[in-house]
PDB file of all heavy atoms in Angstrom:
ATOM      1  N   SER A   1       0.830  -1.217   0.000  1.00  0.00           N
ATOM      2  CA  SER A   1       0.000   0.000   0.000  1.00  0.00           C
ATOM      3  C   SER A   1       0.860   1.261   0.000  1.00  0.00           C
ATOM      4  O   SER A   1       0.508   2.260  -0.626  1.00  0.00           O
ATOM      5  CB  SER A   1      -0.965   0.002   1.191  1.00  0.00           C
ATOM      6  OG  SER A   1      -0.248   0.052   2.404  1.00  0.00           O
ATOM      7  N   LYS A   2       1.991   1.204   0.659  1.00  0.00           N
ATOM      8  CA  LYS A   2       2.901   2.358   0.667  1.00  0.00           C
ATOM      9  C   LYS A   2       3.523   2.555  -0.712  1.00  0.00           C
ATOM     10  O   LYS A   2       3.622   3.675  -1.202  1.00  0.00           O
ATOM     11  CB  LYS A   2       3.994   2.164   1.717  1.00  0.00           C
ATOM     12  CG  LYS A   2       3.455   2.149   3.139  1.00  0.00           C
ATOM     13  CD  LYS A   2       4.527   1.775   4.133  1.00  0.00           C
ATOM     14  CE  LYS A   2       3.935   1.493   5.475  1.00  0.00           C
ATOM     15  NZ  LYS A   2       3.964   2.585   6.380  1.00  0.00           N
ATOM     16  N   VAL A   3       3.924   1.455  -1.343  1.00  0.00           N
ATOM     17  CA  VAL A   3       4.520   1.523  -2.677  1.00  0.00           C
ATOM     18  C   VAL A   3       3.507   2.104  -3.665  1.00  0.00           C
ATOM     19  O   VAL A   3       3.865   2.937  -4.500  1.00  0.00           O
ATOM     20  CB  VAL A   3       5.020   0.140  -3.134  1.00  0.00           C
ATOM     21  CG1 VAL A   3       5.423   0.158  -4.597  1.00  0.00           C
ATOM     22  CG2 VAL A   3       6.194  -0.319  -2.272  1.00  0.00           C
ATOM     23  N   ALA A   4       2.266   1.694  -3.571  1.00  0.00           N
ATOM     24  CA  ALA A   4       1.235   2.190  -4.485  1.00  0.00           C
ATOM     25  C   ALA A   4       1.087   3.708  -4.377  1.00  0.00           C
ATOM     26  O   ALA A   4       1.014   4.412  -5.395  1.00  0.00           O
ATOM     27  CB  ALA A   4      -0.099   1.508  -4.198  1.00  0.00           C
ATOM     28  N   LYS A   5       1.075   4.222  -3.167  1.00  0.00           N
ATOM     29  CA  LYS A   5       0.921   5.670  -2.970  1.00  0.00           C
ATOM     30  C   LYS A   5       2.166   6.433  -3.422  1.00  0.00           C
ATOM     31  O   LYS A   5       2.056   7.485  -4.056  1.00  0.00           O
ATOM     32  CB  LYS A   5       0.605   5.959  -1.506  1.00  0.00           C
ATOM     33  CG  LYS A   5      -0.775   5.488  -1.110  1.00  0.00           C
ATOM     34  CD  LYS A   5      -1.036   5.690   0.359  1.00  0.00           C
ATOM     35  CE  LYS A   5      -2.395   5.133   0.731  1.00  0.00           C
ATOM     36  NZ  LYS A   5      -2.621   5.143   2.167  1.00  0.00           N
ATOM     37  N   VAL A   6       3.342   5.898  -3.119  1.00  0.00           N
ATOM     38  CA  VAL A   6       4.586   6.542  -3.546  1.00  0.00           C
ATOM     39  C   VAL A   6       4.649   6.590  -5.065  1.00  0.00           C
ATOM     40  O   VAL A   6       4.963   7.629  -5.659  1.00  0.00           O
ATOM     41  CB  VAL A   6       5.823   5.806  -2.971  1.00  0.00           C
ATOM     42  CG1 VAL A   6       7.104   6.282  -3.641  1.00  0.00           C
ATOM     43  CG2 VAL A   6       5.913   5.994  -1.469  1.00  0.00           C
ATOM     44  N   CYS A   7       4.323   5.484  -5.717  1.00  0.00           N
ATOM     45  CA  CYS A   7       4.406   5.417  -7.176  1.00  0.00           C
ATOM     46  C   CYS A   7       3.367   6.302  -7.844  1.00  0.00           C
ATOM     47  O   CYS A   7       3.646   6.906  -8.885  1.00  0.00           O
ATOM     48  CB  CYS A   7       4.280   3.973  -7.641  1.00  0.00           C
ATOM     49  SG  CYS A   7       5.723   2.996  -7.185  1.00  0.00           S
ATOM     50  N   SER A   8       2.209   6.416  -7.256  1.00  0.00           N
ATOM     51  CA  SER A   8       1.183   7.310  -7.787  1.00  0.00           C
ATOM     52  C   SER A   8       1.667   8.760  -7.748  1.00  0.00           C
ATOM     53  O   SER A   8       1.526   9.509  -8.725  1.00  0.00           O
ATOM     54  CB  SER A   8      -0.105   7.155  -6.986  1.00  0.00           C
ATOM     55  OG  SER A   8      -1.084   8.033  -7.439  1.00  0.00           O
ATOM     56  N   GLU A   9       2.258   9.147  -6.641  1.00  0.00           N
ATOM     57  CA  GLU A   9       2.782  10.513  -6.507  1.00  0.00           C
ATOM     58  C   GLU A   9       3.975  10.732  -7.435  1.00  0.00           C
ATOM     59  O   GLU A   9       4.103  11.781  -8.060  1.00  0.00           O
ATOM     60  CB  GLU A   9       3.182  10.788  -5.053  1.00  0.00           C
ATOM     61  CG  GLU A   9       3.645  12.191  -4.787  1.00  0.00           C
ATOM     62  CD  GLU A   9       2.569  13.248  -4.949  1.00  0.00           C
ATOM     63  OE1 GLU A   9       1.374  12.916  -5.104  1.00  0.00           O
ATOM     64  OE2 GLU A   9       2.925  14.445  -4.914  1.00  0.00           O
ATOM     65  N   LEU A  10       4.837   9.755  -7.535  1.00  0.00           N
ATOM     66  CA  LEU A  10       5.989   9.838  -8.426  1.00  0.00           C
ATOM     67  C   LEU A  10       5.535   9.990  -9.876  1.00  0.00           C
ATOM     68  O   LEU A  10       6.067  10.808 -10.619  1.00  0.00           O
ATOM     69  CB  LEU A  10       6.843   8.583  -8.264  1.00  0.00           C
ATOM     70  CG  LEU A  10       8.183   8.537  -8.953  1.00  0.00           C
ATOM     71  CD1 LEU A  10       9.085   9.643  -8.435  1.00  0.00           C
ATOM     72  CD2 LEU A  10       8.830   7.184  -8.723  1.00  0.00           C
ATOM     73  N   SER A  11       4.527   9.253 -10.250  1.00  0.00           N
ATOM     74  CA  SER A  11       3.970   9.344 -11.601  1.00  0.00           C
ATOM     75  C   SER A  11       3.423  10.741 -11.871  1.00  0.00           C
ATOM     76  O   SER A  11       3.656  11.318 -12.930  1.00  0.00           O
ATOM     77  CB  SER A  11       2.862   8.294 -11.751  1.00  0.00           C
ATOM     78  OG  SER A  11       2.281   8.368 -13.013  1.00  0.00           O
ATOM     79  N   ARG A  12       2.731  11.295 -10.889  1.00  0.00           N
ATOM     80  CA  ARG A  12       2.135  12.622 -11.030  1.00  0.00           C
ATOM     81  C   ARG A  12       3.193  13.721 -11.090  1.00  0.00           C
ATOM     82  O   ARG A  12       3.161  14.577 -11.973  1.00  0.00           O
ATOM     83  CB  ARG A  12       1.177  12.894  -9.868  1.00  0.00           C
ATOM     84  CG  ARG A  12       0.411  14.193  -9.979  1.00  0.00           C
ATOM     85  CD  ARG A  12      -0.436  14.456  -8.743  1.00  0.00           C
ATOM     86  NE  ARG A  12       0.359  14.819  -7.581  1.00  0.00           N
ATOM     87  CZ  ARG A  12       0.912  16.006  -7.383  1.00  0.00           C
ATOM     88  NH1 ARG A  12       0.768  16.962  -8.276  1.00  0.00           N
ATOM     89  NH2 ARG A  12       1.607  16.256  -6.293  1.00  0.00           N
ATOM     90  N   THR A  13       4.157  13.682 -10.187  1.00  0.00           N
ATOM     91  CA  THR A  13       5.125  14.782 -10.089  1.00  0.00           C
ATOM     92  C   THR A  13       6.216  14.736 -11.152  1.00  0.00           C
ATOM     93  O   THR A  13       6.759  15.779 -11.511  1.00  0.00           O
ATOM     94  CB  THR A  13       5.789  14.817  -8.702  1.00  0.00           C
ATOM     95  OG1 THR A  13       6.445  13.569  -8.468  1.00  0.00           O
ATOM     96  CG2 THR A  13       4.774  15.102  -7.613  1.00  0.00           C
ATOM     97  N   GLU A  14       6.554  13.542 -11.634  1.00  0.00           N
ATOM     98  CA  GLU A  14       7.624  13.432 -12.621  1.00  0.00           C
ATOM     99  C   GLU A  14       7.099  13.118 -14.016  1.00  0.00           C
ATOM    100  O   GLU A  14       7.882  12.834 -14.925  1.00  0.00           O
ATOM    101  CB  GLU A  14       8.643  12.385 -12.177  1.00  0.00           C
ATOM    102  CG  GLU A  14       9.372  12.794 -10.909  1.00  0.00           C
ATOM    103  CD  GLU A  14      10.588  11.943 -10.619  1.00  0.00           C
ATOM    104  OE1 GLU A  14      11.029  11.193 -11.509  1.00  0.00           O
ATOM    105  OE2 GLU A  14      11.093  12.051  -9.500  1.00  0.00           O
ATOM    106  N   ASN A  15       5.771  13.166 -14.153  1.00  0.00           N
ATOM    107  CA  ASN A  15       5.135  12.922 -15.444  1.00  0.00           C
ATOM    108  C   ASN A  15       5.591  11.585 -16.056  1.00  0.00           C
ATOM    109  O   ASN A  15       5.941  11.517 -17.234  1.00  0.00           O
ATOM    110  CB  ASN A  15       5.397  14.076 -16.412  1.00  0.00           C
ATOM    111  CG  ASN A  15       4.420  14.084 -17.558  1.00  0.00           C
ATOM    112  OD1 ASN A  15       3.297  13.599 -17.442  1.00  0.00           O
ATOM    113  ND2 ASN A  15       4.850  14.613 -18.691  1.00  0.00           N
ATOM    114  N   LEU A  16       5.597  10.540 -15.224  1.00  0.00           N
ATOM    115  CA  LEU A  16       5.955   9.193 -15.653  1.00  0.00           C
ATOM    116  C   LEU A  16       4.698   8.347 -15.762  1.00  0.00           C
ATOM    117  O   LEU A  16       3.706   8.623 -15.085  1.00  0.00           O
ATOM    118  CB  LEU A  16       6.887   8.524 -14.625  1.00  0.00           C
ATOM    119  CG  LEU A  16       8.241   9.151 -14.367  1.00  0.00           C
ATOM    120  CD1 LEU A  16       8.911   8.472 -13.180  1.00  0.00           C
ATOM    121  CD2 LEU A  16       9.106   9.022 -15.599  1.00  0.00           C
ATOM    122  N   SER A  17       4.767   7.312 -16.555  1.00  0.00           N
ATOM    123  CA  SER A  17       3.661   6.353 -16.542  1.00  0.00           C
ATOM    124  C   SER A  17       3.716   5.628 -15.198  1.00  0.00           C
ATOM    125  O   SER A  17       4.760   5.603 -14.524  1.00  0.00           O
ATOM    126  CB  SER A  17       3.809   5.343 -17.682  1.00  0.00           C
ATOM    127  OG  SER A  17       4.885   4.460 -17.419  1.00  0.00           O
ATOM    128  N   LEU A  18       2.610   5.055 -14.807  1.00  0.00           N
ATOM    129  CA  LEU A  18       2.590   4.332 -13.539  1.00  0.00           C
ATOM    130  C   LEU A  18       3.579   3.165 -13.578  1.00  0.00           C
ATOM    131  O   LEU A  18       4.284   2.922 -12.597  1.00  0.00           O
ATOM    132  CB  LEU A  18       1.176   3.836 -13.220  1.00  0.00           C
ATOM    133  CG  LEU A  18       0.955   3.309 -11.812  1.00  0.00           C
ATOM    134  CD1 LEU A  18       1.404   4.296 -10.763  1.00  0.00           C
ATOM    135  CD2 LEU A  18      -0.508   2.950 -11.615  1.00  0.00           C
ATOM    136  N   ASN A  19       3.663   2.477 -14.702  1.00  0.00           N
ATOM    137  CA  ASN A  19       4.630   1.376 -14.828  1.00  0.00           C
ATOM    138  C   ASN A  19       6.058   1.867 -14.640  1.00  0.00           C
ATOM    139  O   ASN A  19       6.858   1.220 -13.956  1.00  0.00           O
ATOM    140  CB  ASN A  19       4.493   0.679 -16.179  1.00  0.00           C
ATOM    141  CG  ASN A  19       3.280  -0.197 -16.251  1.00  0.00           C
ATOM    142  OD1 ASN A  19       2.707  -0.580 -15.242  1.00  0.00           O
ATOM    143  ND2 ASN A  19       2.876  -0.521 -17.467  1.00  0.00           N
ATOM    144  N   ASP A  20       6.398   3.003 -15.244  1.00  0.00           N
ATOM    145  CA  ASP A  20       7.747   3.547 -15.103  1.00  0.00           C
ATOM    146  C   ASP A  20       8.035   3.969 -13.664  1.00  0.00           C
ATOM    147  O   ASP A  20       9.151   3.796 -13.173  1.00  0.00           O
ATOM    148  CB  ASP A  20       7.971   4.723 -16.046  1.00  0.00           C
ATOM    149  CG  ASP A  20       8.116   4.289 -17.495  1.00  0.00           C
ATOM    150  OD1 ASP A  20       8.360   3.083 -17.740  1.00  0.00           O
ATOM    151  OD2 ASP A  20       7.970   5.152 -18.379  1.00  0.00           O
ATOM    152  N   SER A  21       7.046   4.530 -13.000  1.00  0.00           N
ATOM    153  CA  SER A  21       7.260   4.945 -11.611  1.00  0.00           C
ATOM    154  C   SER A  21       7.430   3.724 -10.701  1.00  0.00           C
ATOM    155  O   SER A  21       8.245   3.757  -9.773  1.00  0.00           O
ATOM    156  CB  SER A  21       6.131   5.853 -11.121  1.00  0.00           C
ATOM    157  OG  SER A  21       4.911   5.160 -11.057  1.00  0.00           O
ATOM    158  N   ILE A  22       6.712   2.652 -10.990  1.00  0.00           N
ATOM    159  CA  ILE A  22       6.867   1.414 -10.213  1.00  0.00           C
ATOM    160  C   ILE A  22       8.264   0.851 -10.411  1.00  0.00           C
ATOM    161  O   ILE A  22       8.935   0.471  -9.442  1.00  0.00           O
ATOM    162  CB  ILE A  22       5.778   0.392 -10.597  1.00  0.00           C
ATOM    163  CG1 ILE A  22       4.408   0.872 -10.102  1.00  0.00           C
ATOM    164  CG2 ILE A  22       6.102  -0.993 -10.045  1.00  0.00           C
ATOM    165  CD1 ILE A  22       3.232   0.092 -10.651  1.00  0.00           C
ATOM    166  N   LEU A  23       8.712   0.798 -11.655  1.00  0.00           N
ATOM    167  CA  LEU A  23      10.070   0.306 -11.932  1.00  0.00           C
ATOM    168  C   LEU A  23      11.125   1.164 -11.244  1.00  0.00           C
ATOM    169  O   LEU A  23      12.093   0.648 -10.675  1.00  0.00           O
ATOM    170  CB  LEU A  23      10.326   0.273 -13.438  1.00  0.00           C
ATOM    171  CG  LEU A  23       9.628  -0.838 -14.204  1.00  0.00           C
ATOM    172  CD1 LEU A  23       9.813  -0.643 -15.710  1.00  0.00           C
ATOM    173  CD2 LEU A  23      10.143  -2.198 -13.776  1.00  0.00           C
ATOM    174  N   LYS A  24      10.934   2.477 -11.302  1.00  0.00           N
ATOM    175  CA  LYS A  24      11.894   3.386 -10.665  1.00  0.00           C
ATOM    176  C   LYS A  24      11.973   3.117  -9.169  1.00  0.00           C
ATOM    177  O   LYS A  24      13.061   3.053  -8.594  1.00  0.00           O
ATOM    178  CB  LYS A  24      11.505   4.839 -10.933  1.00  0.00           C
ATOM    179  CG  LYS A  24      12.487   5.831 -10.352  1.00  0.00           C
ATOM    180  CD  LYS A  24      12.170   7.254 -10.747  1.00  0.00           C
ATOM    181  CE  LYS A  24      13.213   8.197 -10.186  1.00  0.00           C
ATOM    182  NZ  LYS A  24      13.089   9.542 -10.717  1.00  0.00           N
ATOM    183  N   PHE A  25      10.815   2.961  -8.531  1.00  0.00           N
ATOM    184  CA  PHE A  25      10.805   2.742  -7.087  1.00  0.00           C
ATOM    185  C   PHE A  25      11.396   1.385  -6.720  1.00  0.00           C
ATOM    186  O   PHE A  25      12.226   1.290  -5.819  1.00  0.00           O
ATOM    187  CB  PHE A  25       9.399   2.884  -6.508  1.00  0.00           C
ATOM    188  CG  PHE A  25       9.395   2.825  -5.009  1.00  0.00           C
ATOM    189  CD1 PHE A  25       9.915   3.860  -4.263  1.00  0.00           C
ATOM    190  CD2 PHE A  25       8.910   1.715  -4.341  1.00  0.00           C
ATOM    191  CE1 PHE A  25       9.938   3.808  -2.870  1.00  0.00           C
ATOM    192  CE2 PHE A  25       8.926   1.653  -2.960  1.00  0.00           C
ATOM    193  CZ  PHE A  25       9.438   2.696  -2.222  1.00  0.00           C
ATOM    194  N   TYR A  26      10.970   0.330  -7.404  1.00  0.00           N
ATOM    195  CA  TYR A  26      11.475  -1.006  -7.061  1.00  0.00           C
ATOM    196  C   TYR A  26      12.959  -1.177  -7.353  1.00  0.00           C
ATOM    197  O   TYR A  26      13.594  -2.076  -6.799  1.00  0.00           O
ATOM    198  CB  TYR A  26      10.661  -2.094  -7.755  1.00  0.00           C
ATOM    199  CG  TYR A  26       9.398  -2.449  -6.990  1.00  0.00           C
ATOM    200  CD1 TYR A  26       8.145  -2.126  -7.492  1.00  0.00           C
ATOM    201  CD2 TYR A  26       9.463  -3.098  -5.766  1.00  0.00           C
ATOM    202  CE1 TYR A  26       6.991  -2.445  -6.796  1.00  0.00           C
ATOM    203  CE2 TYR A  26       8.318  -3.417  -5.052  1.00  0.00           C
ATOM    204  CZ  TYR A  26       7.087  -3.093  -5.575  1.00  0.00           C
ATOM    205  OH  TYR A  26       5.956  -3.406  -4.875  1.00  0.00           O
ATOM    206  N   ASN A  27      13.538  -0.329  -8.177  1.00  0.00           N
ATOM    207  CA  ASN A  27      14.972  -0.389  -8.466  1.00  0.00           C
ATOM    208  C   ASN A  27      15.769   0.646  -7.675  1.00  0.00           C
ATOM    209  O   ASN A  27      16.938   0.888  -7.987  1.00  0.00           O
ATOM    210  CB  ASN A  27      15.214  -0.213  -9.965  1.00  0.00           C
ATOM    211  CG  ASN A  27      14.765  -1.426 -10.741  1.00  0.00           C
ATOM    212  OD1 ASN A  27      15.161  -2.540 -10.428  1.00  0.00           O
ATOM    213  ND2 ASN A  27      13.932  -1.225 -11.735  1.00  0.00           N
ATOM    214  N   SER A  28      15.160   1.236  -6.674  1.00  0.00           N
ATOM    215  CA  SER A  28      15.817   2.306  -5.911  1.00  0.00           C
ATOM    216  C   SER A  28      16.425   1.794  -4.605  1.00  0.00           C
ATOM    217  O   SER A  28      16.048   0.749  -4.074  1.00  0.00           O
ATOM    218  CB  SER A  28      14.815   3.411  -5.583  1.00  0.00           C
ATOM    219  OG  SER A  28      13.885   2.949  -4.610  1.00  0.00           O
ATOM    220  N   ALA A  29      17.354   2.571  -4.095  1.00  0.00           N
ATOM    221  CA  ALA A  29      17.928   2.298  -2.773  1.00  0.00           C
ATOM    222  C   ALA A  29      16.866   2.435  -1.687  1.00  0.00           C
ATOM    223  O   ALA A  29      16.925   1.741  -0.669  1.00  0.00           O
ATOM    224  CB  ALA A  29      19.092   3.245  -2.503  1.00  0.00           C
ATOM    225  N   ALA A  30      15.888   3.308  -1.921  1.00  0.00           N
ATOM    226  CA  ALA A  30      14.804   3.487  -0.948  1.00  0.00           C
ATOM    227  C   ALA A  30      14.027   2.187  -0.780  1.00  0.00           C
ATOM    228  O   ALA A  30      13.721   1.776   0.347  1.00  0.00           O
ATOM    229  CB  ALA A  30      13.871   4.612  -1.390  1.00  0.00           C
ATOM    230  N   TYR A  31      13.714   1.511  -1.895  1.00  0.00           N
ATOM    231  CA  TYR A  31      12.987   0.236  -1.797  1.00  0.00           C
ATOM    232  C   TYR A  31      13.859  -0.835  -1.162  1.00  0.00           C
ATOM    233  O   TYR A  31      13.388  -1.617  -0.338  1.00  0.00           O
ATOM    234  CB  TYR A  31      12.476  -0.242  -3.154  1.00  0.00           C
ATOM    235  CG  TYR A  31      11.809  -1.590  -3.019  1.00  0.00           C
ATOM    236  CD1 TYR A  31      10.551  -1.689  -2.437  1.00  0.00           C
ATOM    237  CD2 TYR A  31      12.462  -2.748  -3.395  1.00  0.00           C
ATOM    238  CE1 TYR A  31       9.956  -2.916  -2.252  1.00  0.00           C
ATOM    239  CE2 TYR A  31      11.873  -3.979  -3.213  1.00  0.00           C
ATOM    240  CZ  TYR A  31      10.609  -4.063  -2.644  1.00  0.00           C
ATOM    241  OH  TYR A  31      10.030  -5.287  -2.449  1.00  0.00           O
ATOM    242  N   GLU A  32      15.112  -0.863  -1.535  1.00  0.00           N
ATOM    243  CA  GLU A  32      16.018  -1.854  -0.950  1.00  0.00           C
ATOM    244  C   GLU A  32      16.057  -1.710   0.575  1.00  0.00           C
ATOM    245  O   GLU A  32      16.007  -2.692   1.310  1.00  0.00           O
ATOM    246  CB  GLU A  32      17.419  -1.682  -1.530  1.00  0.00           C
ATOM    247  CG  GLU A  32      18.415  -2.707  -1.048  1.00  0.00           C
ATOM    248  CD  GLU A  32      19.791  -2.496  -1.631  1.00  0.00           C
ATOM    249  OE1 GLU A  32      19.894  -2.015  -2.768  1.00  0.00           O
ATOM    250  OE2 GLU A  32      20.770  -2.827  -0.922  1.00  0.00           O
ATOM    251  N   THR A  33      16.111  -0.479   1.041  1.00  0.00           N
ATOM    252  CA  THR A  33      16.122  -0.217   2.476  1.00  0.00           C
ATOM    253  C   THR A  33      14.771  -0.566   3.100  1.00  0.00           C
ATOM    254  O   THR A  33      14.711  -1.178   4.165  1.00  0.00           O
ATOM    255  CB  THR A  33      16.468   1.261   2.748  1.00  0.00           C
ATOM    256  OG1 THR A  33      17.706   1.562   2.104  1.00  0.00           O
ATOM    257  CG2 THR A  33      16.584   1.548   4.228  1.00  0.00           C
ATOM    258  N   LEU A  34      13.693  -0.185   2.432  1.00  0.00           N
ATOM    259  CA  LEU A  34      12.343  -0.467   2.918  1.00  0.00           C
ATOM    260  C   LEU A  34      12.114  -1.960   3.097  1.00  0.00           C
ATOM    261  O   LEU A  34      11.456  -2.385   4.051  1.00  0.00           O
ATOM    262  CB  LEU A  34      11.309   0.103   1.940  1.00  0.00           C
ATOM    263  CG  LEU A  34       9.839  -0.216   2.175  1.00  0.00           C
ATOM    264  CD1 LEU A  34       9.364   0.378   3.504  1.00  0.00           C
ATOM    265  CD2 LEU A  34       9.000   0.309   1.029  1.00  0.00           C
ATOM    266  N   SER A  35      12.645  -2.768   2.219  1.00  0.00           N
ATOM    267  CA  SER A  35      12.396  -4.207   2.257  1.00  0.00           C
ATOM    268  C   SER A  35      13.195  -4.938   3.343  1.00  0.00           C
ATOM    269  O   SER A  35      12.956  -6.113   3.601  1.00  0.00           O
ATOM    270  CB  SER A  35      12.670  -4.837   0.889  1.00  0.00           C
ATOM    271  OG  SER A  35      14.017  -4.708   0.546  1.00  0.00           O
ATOM    272  N   ARG A  36      14.120  -4.235   3.988  1.00  0.00           N
ATOM    273  CA  ARG A  36      14.851  -4.822   5.118  1.00  0.00           C
ATOM    274  C   ARG A  36      14.129  -4.482   6.411  1.00  0.00           C
ATOM    275  O   ARG A  36      14.037  -3.318   6.800  1.00  0.00           O
ATOM    276  CB  ARG A  36      16.281  -4.289   5.174  1.00  0.00           C
ATOM    277  CG  ARG A  36      17.205  -4.886   4.155  1.00  0.00           C
ATOM    278  CD  ARG A  36      18.669  -4.592   4.467  1.00  0.00           C
ATOM    279  NE  ARG A  36      18.932  -3.252   4.940  1.00  0.00           N
ATOM    280  CZ  ARG A  36      19.254  -2.222   4.167  1.00  0.00           C
ATOM    281  NH1 ARG A  36      19.359  -2.362   2.877  1.00  0.00           N
ATOM    282  NH2 ARG A  36      19.481  -1.044   4.702  1.00  0.00           N
TER     283      ARG A  36
END
C-alpha cells in the first residue's frame, strides 16, 4: 500500500507512466532499504 501511494505521486510529479514509476521505485535504494 505504501509503494502504491509513492508510485502514484511519483507518476504525477515526474510525469511518468505508472509502470515507469513502479520500476523506478522497485529499483531504488529506498525500496532496498524499505524491504529490510
